[in-house]
Amino acid sequence: MTFTAGTIEELNLLLQFDSSTLDRGIKVHSSARREVIAACQSLFDRGLVTQPDGGYLTDAGIEALAHAQSLAGLLHDVNAASAG
């Protein structure tokens, strides 16, 4: 199993949410890259965000963000260790 380009876009989009407060959502504008718009629609279709153009994280989205942050942290730590 590998990450597709679409999955990577979804992960990057999830990481745009501020995990320190649930009172802040995001808005993906119609002028955004089509890959970002598609990723946002996919997150909405999966029930992770409240609107097709972003909105707020759902409970499942909050959990997905926590996993995305953990993965990003692990990969960053591995890359930093191998660079040093």
N, C-alpha and C. Protein backbone atom coordinates (compact mmCIF):
# COMPACT_ATOMS: atom_id res chain seq x y z
N MET A 1 0.85 -1.18 0.00
CA MET A 1 0.00 0.00 0.00
C MET A 1 0.90 1.25 0.00
N THR A 2 0.57 2.17 -0.86
CA THR A 2 1.33 3.42 -0.93
C THR A 2 0.37 4.60 -0.84
N PHE A 3 0.94 5.76 -0.55
CA PHE A 3 0.15 6.99 -0.55
C PHE A 3 0.02 7.48 -1.98
N THR A 4 -1.20 7.76 -2.39
CA THR A 4 -1.42 8.36 -3.71
C THR A 4 -1.20 9.87 -3.59
N ALA A 5 -1.09 10.52 -4.72
CA ALA A 5 -0.97 11.98 -4.71
C ALA A 5 -2.19 12.62 -4.05
N GLY A 6 -3.37 12.03 -4.28
CA GLY A 6 -4.59 12.56 -3.67
C GLY A 6 -4.58 12.42 -2.15
N THR A 7 -4.08 11.27 -1.67
CA THR A 7 -3.99 11.06 -0.22
C THR A 7 -3.02 12.05 0.41
N ILE A 8 -1.92 12.31 -0.26
CA ILE A 8 -0.96 13.28 0.26
C ILE A 8 -1.58 14.66 0.31
N GLU A 9 -2.35 15.03 -0.70
CA GLU A 9 -3.06 16.32 -0.68
C GLU A 9 -4.03 16.37 0.51
N GLU A 10 -4.73 15.27 0.76
CA GLU A 10 -5.66 15.21 1.88
C GLU A 10 -4.93 15.37 3.21
N LEU A 11 -3.81 14.68 3.36
CA LEU A 11 -3.01 14.79 4.59
C LEU A 11 -2.52 16.22 4.78
N ASN A 12 -2.01 16.82 3.71
CA ASN A 12 -1.53 18.21 3.81
C ASN A 12 -2.67 19.16 4.16
N LEU A 13 -3.84 18.91 3.62
CA LEU A 13 -4.99 19.75 3.92
C LEU A 13 -5.41 19.58 5.38
N LEU A 14 -5.43 18.36 5.87
CA LEU A 14 -5.75 18.13 7.28
C LEU A 14 -4.79 18.89 8.19
N LEU A 15 -3.52 18.90 7.81
CA LEU A 15 -2.51 19.56 8.64
C LEU A 15 -2.66 21.08 8.65
N GLN A 16 -3.52 21.63 7.80
CA GLN A 16 -3.79 23.07 7.81
C GLN A 16 -4.70 23.47 8.97
N PHE A 17 -5.42 22.51 9.53
CA PHE A 17 -6.32 22.80 10.65
C PHE A 17 -5.51 23.02 11.92
N ASP A 18 -5.97 23.94 12.75
CA ASP A 18 -5.33 24.26 14.03
C ASP A 18 -5.88 23.31 15.09
N SER A 19 -5.05 22.39 15.55
CA SER A 19 -5.52 21.41 16.53
C SER A 19 -5.65 21.98 17.93
N SER A 20 -5.14 23.19 18.15
CA SER A 20 -5.22 23.78 19.49
C SER A 20 -6.61 24.35 19.78
N THR A 21 -7.41 24.56 18.74
CA THR A 21 -8.78 25.05 18.93
C THR A 21 -9.67 24.49 17.83
N LEU A 22 -10.85 24.11 18.22
CA LEU A 22 -11.80 23.59 17.24
C LEU A 22 -12.69 24.70 16.69
N ASP A 23 -12.43 25.93 17.14
CA ASP A 23 -13.23 27.08 16.72
C ASP A 23 -12.77 27.67 15.40
N ARG A 24 -11.71 27.13 14.83
CA ARG A 24 -11.18 27.66 13.57
C ARG A 24 -11.28 26.60 12.49
N GLY A 25 -11.93 26.97 11.42
CA GLY A 25 -12.01 26.08 10.28
C GLY A 25 -11.10 26.59 9.18
N ILE A 26 -11.26 26.01 8.01
CA ILE A 26 -10.52 26.49 6.85
C ILE A 26 -11.50 26.68 5.70
N LYS A 27 -11.09 27.45 4.72
CA LYS A 27 -11.88 27.70 3.52
C LYS A 27 -10.97 27.47 2.33
N VAL A 28 -11.33 26.53 1.47
CA VAL A 28 -10.59 26.30 0.23
C VAL A 28 -11.32 27.09 -0.85
N HIS A 29 -10.65 28.09 -1.36
CA HIS A 29 -11.27 28.97 -2.35
C HIS A 29 -11.33 28.31 -3.72
N SER A 30 -12.24 28.77 -4.53
CA SER A 30 -12.40 28.20 -5.88
C SER A 30 -11.18 28.43 -6.75
N SER A 31 -10.31 29.37 -6.35
CA SER A 31 -9.09 29.65 -7.10
C SER A 31 -7.92 28.75 -6.68
N ALA A 32 -8.15 27.87 -5.69
CA ALA A 32 -7.09 26.96 -5.24
C ALA A 32 -6.78 25.95 -6.35
N ARG A 33 -5.63 25.31 -6.23
CA ARG A 33 -5.27 24.26 -7.19
C ARG A 33 -6.37 23.20 -7.20
N ARG A 34 -6.62 22.63 -8.35
CA ARG A 34 -7.71 21.66 -8.47
C ARG A 34 -7.47 20.43 -7.59
N GLU A 35 -6.20 20.08 -7.34
CA GLU A 35 -5.89 18.95 -6.48
C GLU A 35 -6.32 19.22 -5.03
N VAL A 36 -6.17 20.47 -4.61
CA VAL A 36 -6.57 20.85 -3.25
C VAL A 36 -8.09 20.84 -3.14
N ILE A 37 -8.76 21.36 -4.15
CA ILE A 37 -10.23 21.35 -4.16
C ILE A 37 -10.74 19.92 -4.12
N ALA A 38 -10.13 19.03 -4.90
CA ALA A 38 -10.53 17.62 -4.91
C ALA A 38 -10.26 16.96 -3.57
N ALA A 39 -9.13 17.29 -2.95
CA ALA A 39 -8.80 16.73 -1.64
C ALA A 39 -9.82 17.16 -0.60
N CYS A 40 -10.22 18.41 -0.65
CA CYS A 40 -11.20 18.92 0.30
C CYS A 40 -12.55 18.23 0.09
N GLN A 41 -12.95 18.07 -1.15
CA GLN A 41 -14.21 17.37 -1.44
C GLN A 41 -14.14 15.94 -0.93
N SER A 42 -12.99 15.29 -1.09
CA SER A 42 -12.82 13.93 -0.62
C SER A 42 -12.93 13.85 0.90
N LEU A 43 -12.32 14.81 1.60
CA LEU A 43 -12.42 14.84 3.06
C LEU A 43 -13.88 15.02 3.49
N PHE A 44 -14.61 15.85 2.76
CA PHE A 44 -16.03 16.04 3.04
C PHE A 44 -16.81 14.75 2.78
N ASP A 45 -16.54 14.11 1.65
CA ASP A 45 -17.23 12.86 1.30
C ASP A 45 -16.98 11.77 2.33
N ARG A 46 -15.82 11.79 2.95
CA ARG A 46 -15.46 10.80 3.97
C ARG A 46 -15.99 11.18 5.36
N GLY A 47 -16.59 12.36 5.46
CA GLY A 47 -17.14 12.80 6.73
C GLY A 47 -16.12 13.38 7.69
N LEU A 48 -15.01 13.89 7.16
CA LEU A 48 -13.95 14.43 8.01
C LEU A 48 -14.05 15.94 8.20
N VAL A 49 -14.70 16.62 7.27
CA VAL A 49 -14.93 18.07 7.38
C VAL A 49 -16.41 18.34 7.13
N THR A 50 -16.87 19.51 7.59
CA THR A 50 -18.31 19.81 7.56
C THR A 50 -18.81 20.39 6.25
N GLN A 51 -17.92 20.87 5.39
CA GLN A 51 -18.33 21.51 4.14
C GLN A 51 -17.44 21.02 3.00
N PRO A 52 -17.96 20.99 1.78
CA PRO A 52 -17.15 20.57 0.63
C PRO A 52 -15.93 21.47 0.38
N ASP A 53 -15.99 22.71 0.87
CA ASP A 53 -14.86 23.63 0.70
C ASP A 53 -14.13 23.88 2.02
N GLY A 54 -14.25 22.94 2.95
CA GLY A 54 -13.52 23.05 4.21
C GLY A 54 -14.43 23.03 5.41
N GLY A 55 -14.64 24.20 5.98
CA GLY A 55 -15.46 24.26 7.19
C GLY A 55 -14.65 23.83 8.39
N TYR A 56 -15.28 23.02 9.22
CA TYR A 56 -14.67 22.57 10.47
C TYR A 56 -14.46 21.07 10.43
N LEU A 57 -13.59 20.59 11.29
CA LEU A 57 -13.38 19.16 11.41
C LEU A 57 -14.55 18.52 12.14
N THR A 58 -14.95 17.36 11.69
CA THR A 58 -15.93 16.55 12.42
C THR A 58 -15.16 15.77 13.49
N ASP A 59 -15.86 14.98 14.30
CA ASP A 59 -15.17 14.15 15.29
C ASP A 59 -14.19 13.20 14.60
N ALA A 60 -14.61 12.62 13.49
CA ALA A 60 -13.71 11.73 12.74
C ALA A 60 -12.53 12.52 12.17
N GLY A 61 -12.78 13.76 11.76
CA GLY A 61 -11.72 14.62 11.24
C GLY A 61 -10.70 14.98 12.31
N ILE A 62 -11.17 15.20 13.53
CA ILE A 62 -10.26 15.50 14.64
C ILE A 62 -9.34 14.30 14.88
N GLU A 63 -9.91 13.11 14.84
CA GLU A 63 -9.11 11.90 15.01
C GLU A 63 -8.11 11.74 13.85
N ALA A 64 -8.57 12.00 12.63
CA ALA A 64 -7.69 11.90 11.46
C ALA A 64 -6.55 12.91 11.56
N LEU A 65 -6.85 14.12 12.02
CA LEU A 65 -5.81 15.14 12.19
C LEU A 65 -4.76 14.67 13.19
N ALA A 66 -5.19 14.09 14.29
CA ALA A 66 -4.24 13.60 15.29
C ALA A 66 -3.31 12.55 14.69
N HIS A 67 -3.87 11.65 13.89
CA HIS A 67 -3.04 10.62 13.23
C HIS A 67 -2.10 11.25 12.20
N ALA A 68 -2.60 12.21 11.44
CA ALA A 68 -1.77 12.89 10.43
C ALA A 68 -0.61 13.62 11.10
N GLN A 69 -0.90 14.28 12.23
CA GLN A 69 0.16 14.99 12.95
C GLN A 69 1.20 14.01 13.49
N SER A 70 0.74 12.87 14.00
CA SER A 70 1.67 11.85 14.50
C SER A 70 2.56 11.33 13.38
N LEU A 71 1.96 11.02 12.25
CA LEU A 71 2.73 10.53 11.11
C LEU A 71 3.72 11.58 10.62
N ALA A 72 3.27 12.82 10.51
CA ALA A 72 4.16 13.89 10.06
C ALA A 72 5.32 14.06 11.04
N GLY A 73 5.04 13.97 12.32
CA GLY A 73 6.09 14.08 13.33
C GLY A 73 7.09 12.95 13.25
N LEU A 74 6.59 11.73 13.09
CA LEU A 74 7.47 10.57 12.96
C LEU A 74 8.36 10.69 11.73
N LEU A 75 7.78 11.05 10.61
CA LEU A 75 8.56 11.17 9.38
C LEU A 75 9.56 12.31 9.48
N HIS A 76 9.18 13.40 10.12
CA HIS A 76 10.10 14.52 10.30
C HIS A 76 11.27 14.09 11.17
N ASP A 77 10.99 13.37 12.27
CA ASP A 77 12.05 12.92 13.17
C ASP A 77 13.00 11.97 12.46
N VAL A 78 12.48 11.07 11.64
CA VAL A 78 13.32 10.12 10.90
C VAL A 78 14.18 10.87 9.89
N ASN A 79 13.59 11.80 9.17
CA ASN A 79 14.35 12.58 8.18
C ASN A 79 15.40 13.44 8.84
N ALA A 80 15.08 14.03 9.99
CA ALA A 80 16.04 14.87 10.70
C ALA A 80 17.20 14.03 11.22
N ALA A 81 16.91 12.82 11.71
CA ALA A 81 17.95 11.95 12.24
C ALA A 81 18.88 11.47 11.13
N SER A 82 18.33 11.15 9.97
CA SER A 82 19.17 10.66 8.88
C SER A 82 19.98 11.78 8.22
N ALA A 83 19.52 13.02 8.37
CA ALA A 83 20.25 14.15 7.81
C ALA A 83 21.42 14.56 8.71
N GLY A 84 21.32 14.21 9.98
CA GLY A 84 22.32 14.65 10.95
C GLY A 84 23.40 13.71 11.07
